[in-house]
Amino acid sequence: SLAEITYALDTLKAEGFCLMTSYGGRYLGDPAFWPVLEELNRRKAVVSPHQLAAQCCGEIPSGVSVGAIEYAVDTTRTMASLMFHGAAARYPDIKWIFSHSGGVTPFLLSRLHRDETVQKGIKEKLPNGVDYELRKFYYDMAQGNHPGALDALMYIAPVSQFLYGTDYPFRDGAEVNEG
């Protein structure tokens, strides 16, 4: 992975990376990924995690597609992993772009705040707090562009962190433009 980062940036002149939200059941904040995050941080890389259906939840019979619920939740799992494992604070120069207006993160904010107050040793992993890290992240508007989603997102991040995204070919730009 480290050689590929060098090749992608130095030879191919890549502008950023798309990673999956997890690999082998481990989310991106897991210390197993820290050598990769360290290099991405050193390079001030742009990273956009693409969500999956978590191993636990891909077969839940909810009556709707896995993507309708689980992808948004997976985005939030990744964001929480980065913050609560300490990777967001440890590697502050990575520019993270999270899909779908941050998934269900705005809705779960009070729960994240609660975990921030009760976890032992959290100040070492999250020295500036959840709110600080959430304001640094970037958020694309694909499938998260209706008034409720945008109002909730504006509560946790400034508009300067919002990016235009369409989720094409699954959704077109007209939907985002309307939102």
Protein backbone atom coordinates (compact mmCIF):
# COMPACT_ATOMS: atom_id res chain seq x y z
CA SER A 1 0.00 0.00 0.00
CA LEU A 2 2.82 2.41 0.84
CA ALA A 3 4.49 1.82 -2.53
CA GLU A 4 1.16 2.32 -4.30
CA ILE A 5 0.60 5.64 -2.52
CA THR A 6 4.01 6.82 -3.75
CA TYR A 7 3.34 5.58 -7.28
CA ALA A 8 -0.17 7.06 -7.42
CA LEU A 9 0.92 10.49 -6.21
CA ASP A 10 4.39 10.83 -7.71
CA THR A 11 4.03 9.02 -11.03
CA LEU A 12 0.33 9.10 -11.84
CA LYS A 13 -0.24 12.50 -10.18
CA ALA A 14 -3.41 11.26 -8.46
CA GLU A 15 -5.44 13.91 -6.69
CA GLY A 16 -6.71 11.62 -3.97
CA PHE A 17 -7.72 8.15 -2.90
CA CYS A 18 -10.91 6.20 -2.54
CA LEU A 19 -10.68 3.62 0.21
CA MET A 20 -13.34 1.27 1.46
CA THR A 21 -14.69 2.08 4.92
CA SER A 22 -13.38 -1.20 6.28
CA TYR A 23 -11.18 -4.13 5.38
CA GLY A 24 -11.59 -7.55 6.96
CA GLY A 25 -13.98 -6.17 9.55
CA ARG A 26 -11.59 -3.39 10.63
CA TYR A 27 -12.54 0.24 10.12
CA LEU A 28 -10.05 2.82 8.89
CA GLY A 29 -9.24 4.20 12.34
CA ASP A 30 -7.93 0.82 13.49
CA PRO A 31 -4.22 1.00 14.43
CA ALA A 32 -3.51 -1.76 11.88
CA PHE A 33 -3.97 0.93 9.20
CA TRP A 34 -1.82 3.58 10.86
CA PRO A 35 1.24 3.07 8.63
CA VAL A 36 -0.94 3.86 5.61
CA LEU A 37 -2.62 6.79 7.36
CA GLU A 38 0.77 8.11 8.41
CA GLU A 39 1.92 8.24 4.79
CA LEU A 40 -1.37 9.75 3.60
CA ASN A 41 -1.04 12.37 6.34
CA ARG A 42 2.58 13.12 5.38
CA ARG A 43 1.41 13.65 1.80
CA LYS A 44 -1.62 15.75 2.92
CA ALA A 45 -3.75 13.39 0.85
CA VAL A 46 -7.43 13.64 0.04
CA VAL A 47 -9.22 10.43 1.03
CA SER A 48 -12.82 9.53 0.31
CA PRO A 49 -13.97 6.32 2.01
CA HIS A 50 -16.67 4.40 0.15
CA GLN A 51 -19.15 2.73 2.41
CA LEU A 52 -20.09 -0.94 2.50
CA ALA A 53 -22.64 -3.04 4.26
CA ALA A 54 -20.89 -4.06 7.48
CA GLN A 55 -20.19 -7.76 7.97
CA CYS A 56 -22.76 -7.79 10.75
CA CYS A 57 -25.57 -6.22 8.81
CA GLY A 58 -25.66 -7.07 5.11
CA GLU A 59 -28.37 -9.70 5.49
CA ILE A 60 -30.77 -7.91 7.85
CA PRO A 61 -34.29 -8.31 6.37
CA SER A 62 -35.53 -4.73 6.72
CA GLY A 63 -37.69 -4.58 3.61
CA VAL A 64 -35.43 -2.04 1.91
CA SER A 65 -32.14 -2.39 0.11
CA VAL A 66 -28.96 -2.72 2.13
CA GLY A 67 -27.81 0.60 0.69
CA ALA A 68 -30.88 2.45 1.94
CA ILE A 69 -29.81 2.14 5.57
CA GLU A 70 -26.51 0.32 6.01
CA TYR A 71 -24.35 2.48 3.76
CA ALA A 72 -25.18 5.63 5.73
CA VAL A 73 -24.54 3.81 8.99
CA ASP A 74 -21.24 2.47 7.66
CA THR A 75 -20.08 5.99 6.88
CA THR A 76 -20.74 6.90 10.50
CA ARG A 77 -18.96 3.78 11.77
CA THR A 78 -15.87 4.86 9.84
CA MET A 79 -15.99 8.42 11.13
CA ALA A 80 -16.37 7.15 14.70
CA SER A 81 -13.50 4.71 14.19
CA LEU A 82 -11.20 7.49 13.03
CA MET A 83 -12.14 9.71 15.95
CA PHE A 84 -12.36 7.21 18.81
CA HIS A 85 -9.24 5.21 17.87
CA GLY A 86 -7.34 8.50 17.72
CA ALA A 87 -6.47 8.43 14.02
CA ALA A 88 -8.28 11.69 13.17
CA ALA A 89 -6.22 13.62 15.73
CA ARG A 90 -3.01 11.67 15.08
CA TYR A 91 -3.17 12.29 11.30
CA PRO A 92 -4.69 15.78 11.04
CA ASP A 93 -3.45 16.56 7.53
CA ILE A 94 -5.56 13.95 5.76
CA LYS A 95 -8.48 15.64 4.07
CA TRP A 96 -11.36 13.22 4.64
CA ILE A 97 -14.46 13.42 2.42
CA PHE A 98 -17.48 11.53 3.75
CA SER A 99 -20.40 10.61 1.54
CA HIS A 100 -24.07 11.30 1.96
CA SER A 101 -23.71 14.29 4.29
CA GLY A 102 -21.88 12.21 6.87
CA GLY A 103 -24.40 9.37 6.94
CA VAL A 104 -26.26 9.21 10.24
CA THR A 105 -23.56 11.09 12.15
CA PRO A 106 -25.61 14.28 12.70
CA PHE A 107 -28.47 12.21 14.12
CA LEU A 108 -26.13 10.27 16.45
CA LEU A 109 -24.18 13.31 17.65
CA SER A 110 -25.46 13.19 21.23
CA ARG A 111 -24.45 9.52 21.46
CA LEU A 112 -20.95 10.34 20.23
CA HIS A 113 -20.76 13.12 22.81
CA ARG A 114 -21.83 10.66 25.50
CA ASP A 115 -19.12 8.18 24.49
CA GLU A 116 -16.62 11.02 24.54
CA THR A 117 -17.44 11.67 28.20
CA VAL A 118 -17.47 8.08 29.47
CA GLN A 119 -14.59 6.34 27.70
CA LYS A 120 -11.42 6.01 29.74
CA GLY A 121 -8.33 7.51 28.14
CA ILE A 122 -10.35 9.28 25.45
CA LYS A 123 -8.48 12.59 25.87
CA GLU A 124 -5.33 10.95 24.47
CA LYS A 125 -7.21 9.68 21.42
CA LEU A 126 -9.55 12.61 20.92
CA PRO A 127 -7.77 15.59 22.54
CA ASN A 128 -9.81 18.28 20.80
CA GLY A 129 -13.14 16.49 21.03
CA VAL A 130 -15.71 15.10 18.63
CA ASP A 131 -17.02 18.49 17.52
CA TYR A 132 -13.56 19.69 16.50
CA GLU A 133 -12.92 16.63 14.35
CA LEU A 134 -16.36 16.76 12.73
CA ARG A 135 -15.80 20.38 11.71
CA LYS A 136 -12.54 19.40 9.94
CA PHE A 137 -14.08 16.63 7.83
CA TYR A 138 -15.59 17.31 4.40
CA TYR A 139 -19.05 16.08 3.39
CA ASP A 140 -20.45 15.43 -0.05
CA MET A 141 -24.12 16.12 -0.68
CA ALA A 142 -24.97 12.97 -2.67
CA GLN A 143 -28.20 11.55 -1.26
CA GLY A 144 -27.94 13.89 1.70
CA ASN A 145 -29.23 17.09 0.18
CA HIS A 146 -32.78 17.46 1.50
CA PRO A 147 -33.51 20.19 4.07
CA GLY A 148 -33.48 17.86 7.10
CA ALA A 149 -30.08 16.39 6.21
CA LEU A 150 -28.57 19.77 5.40
CA ASP A 151 -29.93 21.42 8.56
CA ALA A 152 -28.50 18.61 10.67
CA LEU A 153 -25.15 18.76 8.89
CA MET A 154 -24.93 22.55 9.29
CA TYR A 155 -25.15 21.97 13.03
CA ILE A 156 -21.90 19.95 13.02
CA ALA A 157 -19.85 21.50 10.22
CA PRO A 158 -19.49 24.84 8.43
CA VAL A 159 -20.75 25.17 4.88
CA SER A 160 -17.12 25.50 3.76
CA GLN A 161 -16.84 21.74 4.39
CA PHE A 162 -19.75 20.82 2.07
CA LEU A 163 -18.93 19.42 -1.37
CA TYR A 164 -21.09 18.83 -4.40
CA GLY A 165 -21.55 15.12 -5.09
CA THR A 166 -24.18 13.33 -7.14
CA ASP A 167 -23.62 9.58 -6.70
CA TYR A 168 -23.80 9.23 -10.48
CA PRO A 169 -24.69 6.79 -12.08
CA PHE A 170 -26.98 5.75 -9.22
CA ARG A 171 -28.46 9.24 -8.88
CA ASP A 172 -28.22 12.23 -11.19
CA GLY A 173 -27.20 15.81 -10.52
CA ALA A 174 -30.74 17.16 -10.81
CA GLU A 175 -31.60 15.61 -7.46
CA VAL A 176 -28.66 17.32 -5.77
CA ASN A 177 -29.37 20.61 -7.51
CA GLU A 178 -32.96 20.50 -6.23
CA GLY A 179 -31.73 19.90 -2.69
